[in-house]
Protein backbone atom coordinates (compact mmCIF):
# COMPACT_ATOMS: atom_id res chain seq x y z
CA MET A 1 -3.58 13.51 8.71
CA LEU A 2 -0.71 14.72 6.64
CA GLY A 3 2.36 12.53 6.45
CA GLU A 4 0.69 9.51 8.02
CA ASP A 5 2.37 6.16 7.31
CA HIS A 6 -0.02 3.93 5.38
CA SER A 7 2.53 1.24 4.51
CA LEU A 8 0.92 -2.18 4.12
CA ILE A 9 2.45 -3.55 7.31
CA ASN A 10 1.32 -0.48 9.23
CA GLU A 11 -2.20 -0.81 7.82
CA PHE A 12 -2.48 -4.56 8.51
CA PRO A 13 -0.11 -5.37 11.39
CA LYS A 14 -1.79 -8.69 12.20
CA TYR A 15 -0.92 -9.88 8.68
CA LYS A 16 2.77 -8.91 8.91
CA ALA A 17 4.07 -12.50 8.69
CA LEU A 18 1.68 -13.33 5.86
CA ILE A 19 2.71 -10.20 3.96
CA PHE A 20 6.37 -11.22 4.19
CA GLN A 21 5.52 -14.79 3.20
CA LEU A 22 3.50 -13.70 0.15
CA CYS A 23 6.18 -11.23 -0.90
CA LYS A 24 8.61 -14.15 -1.04
CA SER A 25 6.31 -16.69 -2.67
CA ASP A 26 4.04 -14.63 -4.95
CA GLN A 27 5.78 -12.36 -7.44
CA THR A 28 2.60 -10.50 -8.37
CA PHE A 29 1.78 -9.82 -4.72
CA ALA A 30 5.35 -8.65 -4.13
CA GLU A 31 5.22 -6.27 -7.11
CA ASP A 32 1.84 -4.87 -6.08
CA CYS A 33 3.04 -4.49 -2.49
CA LYS A 34 6.11 -2.61 -3.69
CA ASP A 35 3.94 -0.41 -5.93
CA TYR A 36 1.55 0.29 -3.04
CA ASN A 37 4.40 1.24 -0.69
CA THR A 38 5.99 3.41 -3.39
CA HIS A 39 2.71 5.29 -3.86
CA ASP A 40 2.33 5.68 -0.10
CA LYS A 41 5.86 7.03 0.26
CA GLU A 42 5.37 9.47 -2.62
CA ILE A 43 2.12 10.77 -1.11
CA ARG A 44 3.69 11.13 2.33
CA GLU A 45 6.70 13.02 0.96
CA LEU A 46 4.52 15.34 -1.09
CA GLU A 47 2.42 16.12 1.98
CA LEU A 48 5.34 16.59 4.36
CA ASN A 49 7.44 18.66 1.97
CA ASN A 50 4.44 20.70 0.87
CA GLU A 51 5.39 19.98 -2.72
CA PRO A 52 3.39 21.72 -5.42
CA ILE A 53 0.85 19.25 -6.83
CA THR A 54 -2.67 19.73 -8.03
CA ASP A 55 -5.56 18.39 -6.01
CA GLN A 56 -6.49 16.21 -8.96
CA ALA A 57 -2.99 14.68 -9.14
CA MET A 58 -2.98 14.02 -5.38
CA HIS A 59 -6.46 12.50 -5.60
CA GLN A 60 -5.26 10.21 -8.41
CA LEU A 61 -2.26 9.04 -6.36
CA LYS A 62 -4.49 8.30 -3.38
CA HIS A 63 -7.04 6.57 -5.60
CA VAL A 64 -4.41 4.23 -7.04
CA ARG A 65 -3.09 3.54 -3.54
CA GLY A 66 -6.62 2.70 -2.39
CA ILE A 67 -7.23 0.30 -5.27
CA LEU A 68 -3.92 -1.45 -4.58
CA LYS A 69 -4.68 -1.61 -0.85
CA ASP A 70 -8.08 -3.22 -1.48
CA SER A 71 -6.61 -5.74 -3.88
CA LEU A 72 -3.76 -6.65 -1.55
CA TYR A 73 -6.13 -6.99 1.39
CA GLN A 74 -8.40 -9.32 -0.56
CA ARG A 75 -5.39 -11.48 -1.43
CA LEU A 76 -4.29 -11.51 2.22
CA ILE A 77 -7.74 -12.71 3.30
CA GLN A 78 -7.76 -15.31 0.53
CA ALA A 79 -4.30 -16.60 1.53
CA LYS A 80 -5.27 -16.66 5.21
CA ASN A 81 -8.43 -18.65 4.47
CA SER A 82 -6.51 -21.07 2.24
CA ALA A 83 -3.96 -21.88 4.97
């Protein structure tokens, strides 16, 4: 769906507290989380505002967001299992 919110907390609501904790304690996680949310916001705005962008450019934005999401999720699982 166009304009759907894929923010990290929206994607993984059961990890909300852990996301906040890692954003405070792990600088790399915090930076990647910020980058992920920035990509998500950019994609959402482009879709909602019907901004001119090539399919290839949109695909690249979504690809980067997907890679970040997978990486962040793996780190969430790792942190959860380490607790």
